Amino acid sequence: MQKRDRKRKLKSTKPETKPKKSAKINNANIIIKQDPYPTHPRPTPEECRAIRDSLLAFHGFPQEFAKYRKHRLNLLPHELAVDDDGAKSEPLDNAKAESVLDGLVKTVLSQNTTEVNSQRAFDNLKSDFPTWEHVLAAELKCIENAIRCGGLAPTKASCIKNMLNCLMEKNGKLCLEYLRDMSVDEIKSELSHFKGIGPKTVACVLMFHLQQDDFPVDTHVFEIAKTLGWVPQAADRNKTYLHLNQRIPNELKFDLNCLLYTHVAVEREGKSLGSL
């Protein structure tokens, strides 16, 4: 009887564990980091660097991404923050820096449209609604009207409205600056809770607005990755994203991604003199 009571006492004083929750977290990390094509040897770091250098020499760095590149340079120690021409990068005015929430909404508006149209839609939205609180309080139809020039207005308006609602319910304010203090995996987990925010949108926010080393795969990059043989022909976009993020060196991801996007866009306009 005493032995049974002793066993019962020991069992009751043992710290509680939550193996199921821990397993989910571990599995999530494995999914995020796992390469679906571990035996596929391309691209090699040397190949990535050679293509980056070739495209940079041919196109120059695309101006539409220049301000994001300058943000990244300004995060480096001053002696390392050097532009392509060898000049020191000038510090940015922090007052003019985009908020993370601005960046996320911009990325949503950029889906399936041109840079010009998405920027016009964002400008209209900010003009009609001075704060994100005004957007949250607005009728869905009013948001649609503001962003209509960017295409898919009902879908994008619903996504933005839902995102703002979730953010307000969770944090009590419309702000995503707290993401700057999180790891890449934590940011991915946080943003994926918002309905309509997929892996490509998350990757773009990471790379452009949080200055993290990530490599988004849109239709442009997916197309050229398959053409170059960087992934098997049967690969889909999500697996291509996972594979390329494992294979491409972090220090090349930003420039290479922007240049590949630009190269495909220019070729489609018939202006490119050659292919990779």
C-alpha atoms as a PDB file:
ATOM      1  CA  MET A   1       0.000   0.000   0.000  1.00  0.00           C
ATOM      2  CA  GLN A   2       2.854   2.381   0.920  1.00  0.00           C
ATOM      3  CA  LYS A   3       4.689   1.535  -2.332  1.00  0.00           C
ATOM      4  CA  ARG A   4       1.558   2.332  -4.340  1.00  0.00           C
ATOM      5  CA  ASP A   5       1.119   5.673  -2.519  1.00  0.00           C
ATOM      6  CA  ARG A   6       4.783   6.498  -3.108  1.00  0.00           C
ATOM      7  CA  LYS A   7       4.445   5.789  -6.841  1.00  0.00           C
ATOM      8  CA  ARG A   8       1.322   7.895  -6.980  1.00  0.00           C
ATOM      9  CA  LYS A   9       3.104  10.783  -5.216  1.00  0.00           C
ATOM     10  CA  LEU A  10       6.112  10.619  -7.547  1.00  0.00           C
ATOM     11  CA  LYS A  11       3.830  10.624 -10.558  1.00  0.00           C
ATOM     12  CA  SER A  12       1.923  13.670  -9.312  1.00  0.00           C
ATOM     13  CA  THR A  13       5.086  15.718  -8.710  1.00  0.00           C
ATOM     14  CA  LYS A  14       6.523  14.997 -12.182  1.00  0.00           C
ATOM     15  CA  PRO A  15       6.490  18.182 -14.355  1.00  0.00           C
ATOM     16  CA  GLU A  16       3.773  18.218 -16.961  1.00  0.00           C
ATOM     17  CA  THR A  17       4.895  17.965 -20.565  1.00  0.00           C
ATOM     18  CA  LYS A  18       3.075  18.719 -23.803  1.00  0.00           C
ATOM     19  CA  PRO A  19       4.573  16.283 -26.321  1.00  0.00           C
ATOM     20  CA  LYS A  20       1.897  16.801 -28.937  1.00  0.00           C
ATOM     21  CA  LYS A  21       2.414  20.546 -29.135  1.00  0.00           C
ATOM     22  CA  SER A  22       6.198  20.141 -29.226  1.00  0.00           C
ATOM     23  CA  ALA A  23       5.916  17.562 -31.992  1.00  0.00           C
ATOM     24  CA  LYS A  24       3.864  19.964 -34.089  1.00  0.00           C
ATOM     25  CA  ILE A  25       6.473  22.674 -33.690  1.00  0.00           C
ATOM     26  CA  ASN A  26       9.290  20.315 -34.614  1.00  0.00           C
ATOM     27  CA  ASN A  27       7.389  19.002 -37.608  1.00  0.00           C
ATOM     28  CA  ALA A  28       6.670  22.551 -38.750  1.00  0.00           C
ATOM     29  CA  ASN A  29      10.369  23.418 -38.610  1.00  0.00           C
ATOM     30  CA  ILE A  30      11.262  20.290 -40.567  1.00  0.00           C
ATOM     31  CA  ILE A  31       8.733  21.166 -43.258  1.00  0.00           C
ATOM     32  CA  ILE A  32      10.066  24.713 -43.532  1.00  0.00           C
ATOM     33  CA  LYS A  33      13.726  23.677 -43.784  1.00  0.00           C
ATOM     34  CA  GLN A  34      13.551  20.369 -45.663  1.00  0.00           C
ATOM     35  CA  ASP A  35      14.868  20.225 -49.230  1.00  0.00           C
ATOM     36  CA  PRO A  36      12.427  18.179 -51.350  1.00  0.00           C
ATOM     37  CA  TYR A  37      15.218  17.391 -53.848  1.00  0.00           C
ATOM     38  CA  PRO A  38      18.306  16.702 -51.702  1.00  0.00           C
ATOM     39  CA  THR A  39      20.046  14.760 -54.495  1.00  0.00           C
ATOM     40  CA  HIS A  40      19.487  17.462 -57.136  1.00  0.00           C
ATOM     41  CA  PRO A  41      22.895  19.219 -57.240  1.00  0.00           C
ATOM     42  CA  ARG A  42      21.868  22.477 -58.899  1.00  0.00           C
ATOM     43  CA  PRO A  43      22.142  25.342 -58.654  1.00  0.00           C
ATOM     44  CA  THR A  44      25.681  25.407 -57.305  1.00  0.00           C
ATOM     45  CA  PRO A  45      26.936  28.495 -55.431  1.00  0.00           C
ATOM     46  CA  GLU A  46      29.369  29.156 -58.301  1.00  0.00           C
ATOM     47  CA  GLU A  47      26.556  29.004 -60.857  1.00  0.00           C
ATOM     48  CA  CYS A  48      24.400  31.392 -58.813  1.00  0.00           C
ATOM     49  CA  ARG A  49      27.228  33.895 -58.528  1.00  0.00           C
ATOM     50  CA  ALA A  50      28.091  33.680 -62.239  1.00  0.00           C
ATOM     51  CA  ILE A  51      24.477  34.274 -63.302  1.00  0.00           C
ATOM     52  CA  ARG A  52      24.073  37.112 -60.799  1.00  0.00           C
ATOM     53  CA  ASP A  53      27.209  38.800 -62.153  1.00  0.00           C
ATOM     54  CA  SER A  54      26.184  38.238 -65.786  1.00  0.00           C
ATOM     55  CA  LEU A  55      22.687  39.688 -65.279  1.00  0.00           C
ATOM     56  CA  LEU A  56      24.023  42.607 -63.274  1.00  0.00           C
ATOM     57  CA  ALA A  57      26.450  43.464 -66.059  1.00  0.00           C
ATOM     58  CA  PHE A  58      23.706  43.159 -68.690  1.00  0.00           C
ATOM     59  CA  HIS A  59      20.747  44.883 -66.983  1.00  0.00           C
ATOM     60  CA  GLY A  60      22.319  46.876 -64.183  1.00  0.00           C
ATOM     61  CA  PHE A  61      20.467  46.663 -60.905  1.00  0.00           C
ATOM     62  CA  PRO A  62      16.703  47.223 -61.535  1.00  0.00           C
ATOM     63  CA  GLN A  63      15.599  50.613 -60.230  1.00  0.00           C
ATOM     64  CA  GLU A  64      12.232  49.343 -58.993  1.00  0.00           C
ATOM     65  CA  PHE A  65      14.062  47.309 -56.333  1.00  0.00           C
ATOM     66  CA  ALA A  66      16.859  49.804 -55.613  1.00  0.00           C
ATOM     67  CA  LYS A  67      15.313  51.313 -52.482  1.00  0.00           C
ATOM     68  CA  TYR A  68      14.944  47.866 -50.895  1.00  0.00           C
ATOM     69  CA  ARG A  69      18.542  47.090 -51.729  1.00  0.00           C
ATOM     70  CA  LYS A  70      19.613  50.324 -50.029  1.00  0.00           C
ATOM     71  CA  HIS A  71      17.659  49.321 -46.924  1.00  0.00           C
ATOM     72  CA  ARG A  72      19.667  46.104 -46.797  1.00  0.00           C
ATOM     73  CA  LEU A  73      22.964  47.926 -47.269  1.00  0.00           C
ATOM     74  CA  ASN A  74      22.104  50.280 -44.426  1.00  0.00           C
ATOM     75  CA  LEU A  75      21.745  47.329 -42.059  1.00  0.00           C
ATOM     76  CA  LEU A  76      25.357  46.319 -42.706  1.00  0.00           C
ATOM     77  CA  PRO A  77      28.278  47.766 -40.730  1.00  0.00           C
ATOM     78  CA  HIS A  78      29.156  51.127 -42.317  1.00  0.00           C
ATOM     79  CA  GLU A  79      32.463  49.904 -43.740  1.00  0.00           C
ATOM     80  CA  LEU A  80      30.644  47.085 -45.608  1.00  0.00           C
ATOM     81  CA  ALA A  81      27.728  49.168 -46.921  1.00  0.00           C
ATOM     82  CA  VAL A  82      29.108  49.790 -50.413  1.00  0.00           C
ATOM     83  CA  ASP A  83      27.101  50.091 -53.644  1.00  0.00           C
ATOM     84  CA  ASP A  84      28.143  48.571 -56.984  1.00  0.00           C
ATOM     85  CA  ASP A  85      30.070  51.681 -57.962  1.00  0.00           C
ATOM     86  CA  GLY A  86      32.194  51.424 -54.817  1.00  0.00           C
ATOM     87  CA  ALA A  87      30.577  54.437 -53.126  1.00  0.00           C
ATOM     88  CA  LYS A  88      29.446  54.324 -49.517  1.00  0.00           C
ATOM     89  CA  SER A  89      25.687  53.858 -49.138  1.00  0.00           C
ATOM     90  CA  GLU A  90      24.036  56.979 -47.731  1.00  0.00           C
ATOM     91  CA  PRO A  91      21.896  56.445 -44.594  1.00  0.00           C
ATOM     92  CA  LEU A  92      18.152  56.343 -45.242  1.00  0.00           C
ATOM     93  CA  ASP A  93      15.672  58.668 -43.619  1.00  0.00           C
ATOM     94  CA  ASN A  94      13.888  56.383 -41.135  1.00  0.00           C
ATOM     95  CA  ALA A  95      10.796  58.582 -41.281  1.00  0.00           C
ATOM     96  CA  LYS A  96      10.345  57.594 -44.922  1.00  0.00           C
ATOM     97  CA  ALA A  97      10.825  53.868 -44.355  1.00  0.00           C
ATOM     98  CA  GLU A  98       7.807  51.689 -45.095  1.00  0.00           C
ATOM     99  CA  SER A  99       6.113  49.920 -42.224  1.00  0.00           C
ATOM    100  CA  VAL A 100       5.897  46.130 -42.379  1.00  0.00           C
ATOM    101  CA  LEU A 101       2.103  46.381 -42.652  1.00  0.00           C
ATOM    102  CA  ASP A 102       2.447  48.757 -45.611  1.00  0.00           C
ATOM    103  CA  GLY A 103       4.802  46.261 -47.207  1.00  0.00           C
ATOM    104  CA  LEU A 104       2.466  43.317 -46.683  1.00  0.00           C
ATOM    105  CA  VAL A 105      -0.514  45.167 -48.193  1.00  0.00           C
ATOM    106  CA  LYS A 106       1.655  46.300 -51.123  1.00  0.00           C
ATOM    107  CA  THR A 107       2.649  42.681 -51.732  1.00  0.00           C
ATOM    108  CA  VAL A 108      -0.982  41.542 -51.697  1.00  0.00           C
ATOM    109  CA  LEU A 109      -1.861  44.272 -54.205  1.00  0.00           C
ATOM    110  CA  SER A 110       1.041  43.259 -56.477  1.00  0.00           C
ATOM    111  CA  GLN A 111      -0.413  39.815 -57.156  1.00  0.00           C
ATOM    112  CA  ASN A 112      -1.328  39.150 -60.810  1.00  0.00           C
ATOM    113  CA  THR A 113      -0.751  42.692 -61.996  1.00  0.00           C
ATOM    114  CA  THR A 114       2.002  45.078 -63.044  1.00  0.00           C
ATOM    115  CA  GLU A 115       4.194  47.122 -60.708  1.00  0.00           C
ATOM    116  CA  VAL A 116       2.632  50.341 -62.052  1.00  0.00           C
ATOM    117  CA  ASN A 117      -0.941  49.185 -61.407  1.00  0.00           C
ATOM    118  CA  SER A 118      -0.229  47.776 -57.960  1.00  0.00           C
ATOM    119  CA  GLN A 119       1.539  50.978 -56.879  1.00  0.00           C
ATOM    120  CA  ARG A 120      -1.408  53.034 -58.153  1.00  0.00           C
ATOM    121  CA  ALA A 121      -3.821  50.813 -56.198  1.00  0.00           C
ATOM    122  CA  PHE A 122      -1.762  51.250 -53.021  1.00  0.00           C
ATOM    123  CA  ASP A 123      -1.557  55.023 -53.490  1.00  0.00           C
ATOM    124  CA  ASN A 124      -5.338  55.198 -54.018  1.00  0.00           C
ATOM    125  CA  LEU A 125      -5.926  53.147 -50.879  1.00  0.00           C
ATOM    126  CA  LYS A 126      -3.682  55.402 -48.771  1.00  0.00           C
ATOM    127  CA  SER A 127      -5.292  58.517 -50.284  1.00  0.00           C
ATOM    128  CA  ASP A 128      -8.862  57.388 -49.591  1.00  0.00           C
ATOM    129  CA  PHE A 129      -8.056  56.026 -46.114  1.00  0.00           C
ATOM    130  CA  PRO A 130      -5.390  57.986 -44.163  1.00  0.00           C
ATOM    131  CA  THR A 131      -4.792  55.184 -41.629  1.00  0.00           C
ATOM    132  CA  TRP A 132      -5.193  51.406 -41.525  1.00  0.00           C
ATOM    133  CA  GLU A 133      -7.845  51.965 -38.852  1.00  0.00           C
ATOM    134  CA  HIS A 134      -9.881  53.804 -41.507  1.00  0.00           C
ATOM    135  CA  VAL A 135      -9.478  50.845 -43.868  1.00  0.00           C
ATOM    136  CA  LEU A 136     -10.607  48.447 -41.137  1.00  0.00           C
ATOM    137  CA  ALA A 137     -13.738  50.537 -40.480  1.00  0.00           C
ATOM    138  CA  ALA A 138     -14.584  50.952 -44.186  1.00  0.00           C
ATOM    139  CA  GLU A 139     -17.168  49.014 -46.170  1.00  0.00           C
ATOM    140  CA  LEU A 140     -15.648  46.278 -48.285  1.00  0.00           C
ATOM    141  CA  LYS A 141     -17.039  47.860 -51.458  1.00  0.00           C
ATOM    142  CA  CYS A 142     -15.227  51.130 -50.687  1.00  0.00           C
ATOM    143  CA  ILE A 143     -11.920  49.281 -50.371  1.00  0.00           C
ATOM    144  CA  GLU A 144     -12.615  47.472 -53.645  1.00  0.00           C
ATOM    145  CA  ASN A 145     -13.252  50.771 -55.425  1.00  0.00           C
ATOM    146  CA  ALA A 146      -9.978  52.221 -54.146  1.00  0.00           C
ATOM    147  CA  ILE A 147      -7.848  49.315 -55.394  1.00  0.00           C
ATOM    148  CA  ARG A 148      -9.811  48.388 -58.531  1.00  0.00           C
ATOM    149  CA  CYS A 149      -7.039  49.535 -60.904  1.00  0.00           C
ATOM    150  CA  GLY A 150      -4.812  46.768 -59.523  1.00  0.00           C
ATOM    151  CA  GLY A 151      -7.145  43.958 -60.607  1.00  0.00           C
ATOM    152  CA  LEU A 152      -8.851  41.216 -58.569  1.00  0.00           C
ATOM    153  CA  ALA A 153     -10.289  43.952 -56.337  1.00  0.00           C
ATOM    154  CA  PRO A 154     -12.907  41.810 -54.482  1.00  0.00           C
ATOM    155  CA  THR A 155     -10.357  39.105 -53.617  1.00  0.00           C
ATOM    156  CA  LYS A 156      -7.618  41.521 -52.548  1.00  0.00           C
ATOM    157  CA  ALA A 157      -9.986  43.772 -50.585  1.00  0.00           C
ATOM    158  CA  SER A 158     -11.346  40.767 -48.695  1.00  0.00           C
ATOM    159  CA  CYS A 159      -7.808  39.586 -47.921  1.00  0.00           C
ATOM    160  CA  ILE A 160      -6.744  43.016 -46.614  1.00  0.00           C
ATOM    161  CA  LYS A 161      -9.912  43.444 -44.538  1.00  0.00           C
ATOM    162  CA  ASN A 162      -9.588  39.954 -43.026  1.00  0.00           C
ATOM    163  CA  MET A 163      -5.923  40.533 -42.245  1.00  0.00           C
ATOM    164  CA  LEU A 164      -6.630  43.805 -40.442  1.00  0.00           C
ATOM    165  CA  ASN A 165      -9.485  42.224 -38.488  1.00  0.00           C
ATOM    166  CA  CYS A 166      -7.285  39.335 -37.353  1.00  0.00           C
ATOM    167  CA  LEU A 167      -4.464  41.679 -36.408  1.00  0.00           C
ATOM    168  CA  MET A 168      -6.754  43.902 -34.339  1.00  0.00           C
ATOM    169  CA  GLU A 169      -8.354  40.924 -32.587  1.00  0.00           C
ATOM    170  CA  LYS A 170      -4.991  39.381 -31.773  1.00  0.00           C
ATOM    171  CA  ASN A 171      -2.876  42.420 -30.823  1.00  0.00           C
ATOM    172  CA  GLY A 172      -5.346  45.234 -30.252  1.00  0.00           C
ATOM    173  CA  LYS A 173      -3.553  47.431 -32.803  1.00  0.00           C
ATOM    174  CA  LEU A 174      -2.749  47.462 -36.517  1.00  0.00           C
ATOM    175  CA  CYS A 175       1.002  47.025 -36.501  1.00  0.00           C
ATOM    176  CA  LEU A 176       3.421  44.314 -37.664  1.00  0.00           C
ATOM    177  CA  GLU A 177       6.683  45.894 -36.508  1.00  0.00           C
ATOM    178  CA  TYR A 178       7.060  43.151 -33.896  1.00  0.00           C
ATOM    179  CA  LEU A 179       7.979  40.793 -36.750  1.00  0.00           C
ATOM    180  CA  ARG A 180      11.370  42.515 -36.990  1.00  0.00           C
ATOM    181  CA  ASP A 181      12.417  40.809 -33.752  1.00  0.00           C
ATOM    182  CA  MET A 182      11.383  37.308 -34.885  1.00  0.00           C
ATOM    183  CA  SER A 183      13.289  34.561 -36.657  1.00  0.00           C
ATOM    184  CA  VAL A 184      12.476  33.678 -40.266  1.00  0.00           C
ATOM    185  CA  ASP A 185      10.579  30.543 -39.214  1.00  0.00           C
ATOM    186  CA  GLU A 186       8.583  32.487 -36.618  1.00  0.00           C
ATOM    187  CA  ILE A 187       7.677  35.154 -39.193  1.00  0.00           C
ATOM    188  CA  LYS A 188       6.528  32.493 -41.655  1.00  0.00           C
ATOM    189  CA  SER A 189       4.358  30.896 -38.989  1.00  0.00           C
ATOM    190  CA  GLU A 190       2.903  34.259 -37.907  1.00  0.00           C
ATOM    191  CA  LEU A 191       2.000  35.503 -41.406  1.00  0.00           C
ATOM    192  CA  SER A 192       0.645  32.163 -42.603  1.00  0.00           C
ATOM    193  CA  HIS A 193      -2.205  32.526 -40.084  1.00  0.00           C
ATOM    194  CA  PHE A 194      -3.747  35.247 -42.254  1.00  0.00           C
ATOM    195  CA  LYS A 195      -6.187  33.919 -44.826  1.00  0.00           C
ATOM    196  CA  GLY A 196      -5.038  34.588 -48.383  1.00  0.00           C
ATOM    197  CA  ILE A 197      -1.367  35.095 -47.440  1.00  0.00           C
ATOM    198  CA  GLY A 198       0.590  32.333 -49.187  1.00  0.00           C
ATOM    199  CA  PRO A 199       4.271  31.295 -49.249  1.00  0.00           C
ATOM    200  CA  LYS A 200       5.232  33.682 -52.066  1.00  0.00           C
ATOM    201  CA  THR A 201       3.707  36.701 -50.325  1.00  0.00           C
ATOM    202  CA  VAL A 202       5.420  35.762 -47.055  1.00  0.00           C
ATOM    203  CA  ALA A 203       8.758  35.319 -48.841  1.00  0.00           C
ATOM    204  CA  CYS A 204       8.432  38.736 -50.521  1.00  0.00           C
ATOM    205  CA  VAL A 205       7.729  40.431 -47.185  1.00  0.00           C
ATOM    206  CA  LEU A 206      10.737  38.661 -45.684  1.00  0.00           C
ATOM    207  CA  MET A 207      13.074  39.693 -48.491  1.00  0.00           C
ATOM    208  CA  PHE A 208      11.878  43.221 -49.313  1.00  0.00           C
ATOM    209  CA  HIS A 209      10.364  44.565 -46.100  1.00  0.00           C
ATOM    210  CA  LEU A 210      12.149  42.669 -43.322  1.00  0.00           C
ATOM    211  CA  GLN A 211      15.563  42.449 -45.026  1.00  0.00           C
ATOM    212  CA  GLN A 212      15.805  38.712 -44.374  1.00  0.00           C
ATOM    213  CA  ASP A 213      17.652  36.251 -46.613  1.00  0.00           C
ATOM    214  CA  ASP A 214      14.819  34.544 -48.446  1.00  0.00           C
ATOM    215  CA  PHE A 215      14.195  33.699 -52.102  1.00  0.00           C
ATOM    216  CA  PRO A 216      10.576  34.143 -53.289  1.00  0.00           C
ATOM    217  CA  VAL A 217       9.458  32.022 -56.223  1.00  0.00           C
ATOM    218  CA  ASP A 218       6.872  33.708 -58.440  1.00  0.00           C
ATOM    219  CA  THR A 219       5.911  32.616 -61.942  1.00  0.00           C
ATOM    220  CA  HIS A 220       8.955  34.435 -63.391  1.00  0.00           C
ATOM    221  CA  VAL A 221      11.511  32.741 -61.135  1.00  0.00           C
ATOM    222  CA  PHE A 222       9.738  29.383 -61.347  1.00  0.00           C
ATOM    223  CA  GLU A 223       9.820  29.508 -65.147  1.00  0.00           C
ATOM    224  CA  ILE A 224      13.520  30.310 -65.359  1.00  0.00           C
ATOM    225  CA  ALA A 225      14.510  27.825 -62.614  1.00  0.00           C
ATOM    226  CA  LYS A 226      12.966  24.984 -64.617  1.00  0.00           C
ATOM    227  CA  THR A 227      14.532  26.238 -67.859  1.00  0.00           C
ATOM    228  CA  LEU A 228      17.973  26.278 -66.230  1.00  0.00           C
ATOM    229  CA  GLY A 229      17.502  22.812 -64.738  1.00  0.00           C
ATOM    230  CA  TRP A 230      17.745  24.097 -61.174  1.00  0.00           C
ATOM    231  CA  VAL A 231      14.833  21.836 -60.219  1.00  0.00           C
ATOM    232  CA  PRO A 232      13.395  18.641 -61.746  1.00  0.00           C
ATOM    233  CA  GLN A 233      10.843  19.213 -64.504  1.00  0.00           C
ATOM    234  CA  ALA A 234       8.093  17.744 -62.315  1.00  0.00           C
ATOM    235  CA  ALA A 235       8.711  20.317 -59.568  1.00  0.00           C
ATOM    236  CA  ASP A 236       5.932  22.648 -58.449  1.00  0.00           C
ATOM    237  CA  ARG A 237       6.401  26.196 -57.177  1.00  0.00           C
ATOM    238  CA  ASN A 238       6.336  25.364 -53.469  1.00  0.00           C
ATOM    239  CA  LYS A 239       8.963  22.633 -53.810  1.00  0.00           C
ATOM    240  CA  THR A 240      11.034  24.906 -56.036  1.00  0.00           C
ATOM    241  CA  TYR A 241      10.912  27.535 -53.280  1.00  0.00           C
ATOM    242  CA  LEU A 242      12.116  25.052 -50.663  1.00  0.00           C
ATOM    243  CA  HIS A 243      14.884  23.696 -52.892  1.00  0.00           C
ATOM    244  CA  LEU A 244      16.249  27.047 -54.061  1.00  0.00           C
ATOM    245  CA  ASN A 245      16.307  28.438 -50.534  1.00  0.00           C
ATOM    246  CA  GLN A 246      18.551  25.559 -49.554  1.00  0.00           C
ATOM    247  CA  ARG A 247      20.845  25.786 -52.587  1.00  0.00           C
ATOM    248  CA  ILE A 248      21.316  29.531 -53.167  1.00  0.00           C
ATOM    249  CA  PRO A 249      23.811  31.255 -50.835  1.00  0.00           C
ATOM    250  CA  ASN A 250      22.141  33.820 -48.575  1.00  0.00           C
ATOM    251  CA  GLU A 251      24.362  36.678 -49.724  1.00  0.00           C
ATOM    252  CA  LEU A 252      23.200  36.188 -53.337  1.00  0.00           C
ATOM    253  CA  LYS A 253      19.475  35.693 -52.787  1.00  0.00           C
ATOM    254  CA  PHE A 254      18.279  39.290 -52.963  1.00  0.00           C
ATOM    255  CA  ASP A 255      20.221  40.434 -56.032  1.00  0.00           C
ATOM    256  CA  LEU A 256      19.699  37.171 -57.914  1.00  0.00           C
ATOM    257  CA  ASN A 257      15.956  37.147 -57.291  1.00  0.00           C
ATOM    258  CA  CYS A 258      15.474  40.747 -58.449  1.00  0.00           C
ATOM    259  CA  LEU A 259      17.654  40.210 -61.531  1.00  0.00           C
ATOM    260  CA  LEU A 260      15.950  36.968 -62.588  1.00  0.00           C
ATOM    261  CA  TYR A 261      12.547  38.656 -62.294  1.00  0.00           C
ATOM    262  CA  THR A 262      13.775  41.567 -64.399  1.00  0.00           C
ATOM    263  CA  HIS A 263      15.380  39.307 -67.006  1.00  0.00           C
ATOM    264  CA  VAL A 264      12.181  37.347 -67.643  1.00  0.00           C
ATOM    265  CA  ALA A 265      10.096  40.542 -67.745  1.00  0.00           C
ATOM    266  CA  VAL A 266      12.461  42.118 -70.287  1.00  0.00           C
ATOM    267  CA  GLU A 267      12.542  38.991 -72.457  1.00  0.00           C
ATOM    268  CA  ARG A 268       8.756  38.921 -72.552  1.00  0.00           C
ATOM    269  CA  GLU A 269       8.820  42.454 -73.898  1.00  0.00           C
ATOM    270  CA  GLY A 270      11.231  41.308 -76.611  1.00  0.00           C
ATOM    271  CA  LYS A 271      14.019  43.615 -75.480  1.00  0.00           C
ATOM    272  CA  SER A 272      16.592  41.076 -74.327  1.00  0.00           C
ATOM    273  CA  LEU A 273      19.560  40.362 -76.601  1.00  0.00           C
ATOM    274  CA  GLY A 274      20.102  36.853 -75.355  1.00  0.00           C
ATOM    275  CA  SER A 275      19.264  34.183 -72.833  1.00  0.00           C
ATOM    276  CA  LEU A 276      21.071  32.729 -69.873  1.00  0.00           C
END
